[in-house]
Amino acid sequence: QVQLVESGGGLVQAGGSLRFSCAASGSISRIKAMAWERQAPGKQRELVARITNGGSTNYEDSVKGRFTISGDNAKNTVYLQMNSLKHEDTAVYYCIALGPAQVGFPVHSWGQGTQVTVSS
């Protein structure tokens, strides 16, 4: 089992910044990548950013150039720096622990979810 604990998020004005962190514990060896997803009211959940243990990253198009995902393998922690926030970034954000890319990044565990509200 992998446990994930998120911190960060909150309320910010448009144009502002927020930073998330997600600390993993438990069966760390099962984690081959970490990601952040978000779900806005009335919308489907979408992948925001993903980082593999090797440091390869992927971003959803709307956040490219504004969000940065990074990881600290020694601390088993992944971060999401969100800059130039827009109202449409308002959503609940979830940290996710993933298995290997070769089998399509299966989800091992979800964080508790953290609300981000961007006021326009």
Protein backbone atom coordinates (compact mmCIF):
# COMPACT_ATOMS: atom_id res chain seq x y z
CA GLN A 1 0.00 0.00 0.00
CA VAL A 2 1.08 3.53 -0.77
CA GLN A 3 -0.11 6.42 1.35
CA LEU A 4 -0.10 9.97 0.06
CA VAL A 5 -0.46 13.15 2.08
CA GLU A 6 -0.99 16.43 0.27
CA SER A 7 -0.35 19.91 1.56
CA GLY A 8 -0.70 23.34 0.05
CA GLY A 9 -3.45 24.76 -2.06
CA GLY A 10 -6.02 27.30 -0.95
CA LEU A 11 -7.42 30.58 -2.20
CA VAL A 12 -5.47 32.93 -4.43
CA GLN A 13 -6.17 35.81 -6.77
CA ALA A 14 -5.78 35.40 -10.50
CA GLY A 15 -2.17 35.82 -11.47
CA GLY A 16 -0.94 34.53 -8.15
CA SER A 17 0.98 31.39 -7.24
CA LEU A 18 0.49 28.32 -5.10
CA ARG A 19 2.63 25.32 -4.32
CA PHE A 20 1.54 21.79 -3.51
CA SER A 21 3.55 19.05 -1.97
CA CYS A 22 2.71 15.37 -1.73
CA ALA A 23 4.58 13.02 0.55
CA ALA A 24 4.49 9.29 -0.10
CA SER A 25 4.97 6.51 2.40
CA GLY A 26 4.46 2.78 2.58
CA SER A 27 5.35 0.63 -0.44
CA ILE A 28 7.56 3.27 -2.02
CA SER A 29 9.24 0.79 -4.36
CA ARG A 30 5.96 0.37 -6.25
CA ILE A 31 5.96 4.03 -7.27
CA LYS A 32 7.43 4.61 -10.73
CA ALA A 33 5.88 8.00 -11.34
CA MET A 34 3.83 10.63 -9.56
CA ALA A 35 1.18 12.91 -10.97
CA TRP A 36 -1.35 15.59 -10.17
CA GLU A 37 -4.88 15.47 -11.48
CA ARG A 38 -7.67 17.94 -10.97
CA GLN A 39 -11.42 17.97 -11.14
CA ALA A 40 -13.37 21.15 -11.61
CA PRO A 41 -17.10 21.35 -10.85
CA GLY A 42 -19.10 19.75 -13.62
CA LYS A 43 -16.01 18.57 -15.48
CA GLN A 44 -14.16 15.32 -15.86
CA ARG A 45 -10.97 14.70 -13.96
CA GLU A 46 -7.90 15.58 -16.01
CA LEU A 47 -4.19 14.95 -15.74
CA VAL A 48 -2.33 18.15 -14.92
CA ALA A 49 1.27 16.99 -14.71
CA ARG A 50 3.27 13.80 -14.31
CA ILE A 51 6.87 13.05 -13.42
CA THR A 52 8.64 9.72 -13.61
CA ASN A 53 11.31 8.51 -11.21
CA GLY A 54 13.79 9.32 -13.96
CA GLY A 55 12.62 12.92 -14.07
CA SER A 56 10.64 12.88 -17.32
CA THR A 57 7.67 15.23 -17.18
CA ASN A 58 4.39 15.70 -19.01
CA TYR A 59 1.94 18.57 -18.73
CA GLU A 60 -1.61 19.23 -19.78
CA ASP A 61 -1.54 21.85 -22.53
CA SER A 62 -3.34 24.57 -20.59
CA VAL A 63 -0.76 24.55 -17.79
CA LYS A 64 2.42 24.37 -19.84
CA GLY A 65 4.72 27.24 -19.00
CA ARG A 66 2.78 28.01 -15.82
CA PHE A 67 2.98 24.84 -13.71
CA THR A 68 6.10 22.90 -12.79
CA ILE A 69 6.17 19.43 -11.31
CA SER A 70 9.28 18.30 -9.49
CA GLY A 71 10.29 15.52 -7.20
CA ASP A 72 12.66 14.79 -4.37
CA ASN A 73 13.30 11.05 -4.39
CA ALA A 74 15.21 11.22 -1.11
CA LYS A 75 12.13 12.68 0.62
CA ASN A 76 9.61 10.64 -1.41
CA THR A 77 7.89 13.93 -2.14
CA VAL A 78 6.57 15.51 -5.30
CA TYR A 79 5.79 19.20 -5.74
CA LEU A 80 3.56 21.21 -8.03
CA GLN A 81 4.44 24.87 -8.42
CA MET A 82 1.56 26.77 -9.97
CA ASN A 83 2.20 30.26 -11.30
CA SER A 84 0.07 32.74 -13.21
CA LEU A 85 -3.05 31.07 -11.91
CA LYS A 86 -6.30 31.56 -13.77
CA HIS A 87 -9.89 31.26 -12.66
CA GLU A 88 -10.21 28.14 -14.79
CA ASP A 89 -7.53 26.46 -12.65
CA THR A 90 -10.08 26.31 -9.84
CA ALA A 91 -10.54 22.64 -8.99
CA VAL A 92 -9.82 19.94 -6.47
CA TYR A 93 -6.29 18.70 -7.04
CA TYR A 94 -5.24 15.12 -6.34
CA CYS A 95 -1.78 13.66 -5.97
CA ILE A 96 -1.42 10.20 -7.50
CA ALA A 97 1.16 7.46 -7.17
CA LEU A 98 1.66 5.51 -10.39
CA GLY A 99 3.15 2.27 -11.57
CA PRO A 100 5.44 1.88 -14.59
CA ALA A 101 4.93 3.50 -17.98
CA GLN A 102 5.27 0.12 -19.71
CA VAL A 103 1.84 -0.89 -18.41
CA GLY A 104 0.22 2.50 -18.81
CA PHE A 105 0.98 4.13 -15.44
CA PRO A 106 -1.54 2.21 -13.32
CA VAL A 107 -2.78 4.12 -10.29
CA HIS A 108 -1.59 2.79 -6.96
CA SER A 109 -2.97 5.43 -4.66
CA TRP A 110 -4.68 8.81 -4.45
CA GLY A 111 -4.11 11.70 -2.13
CA GLN A 112 -6.98 13.17 -0.15
CA GLY A 113 -7.59 16.02 -2.60
CA THR A 114 -7.01 19.72 -2.01
CA GLN A 115 -9.17 22.60 -3.12
CA VAL A 116 -7.65 25.40 -5.17
CA THR A 117 -9.81 28.45 -5.73
CA VAL A 118 -8.62 31.21 -8.01
CA SER A 119 -10.61 34.41 -7.72
CA SER A 120 -10.89 36.52 -10.83
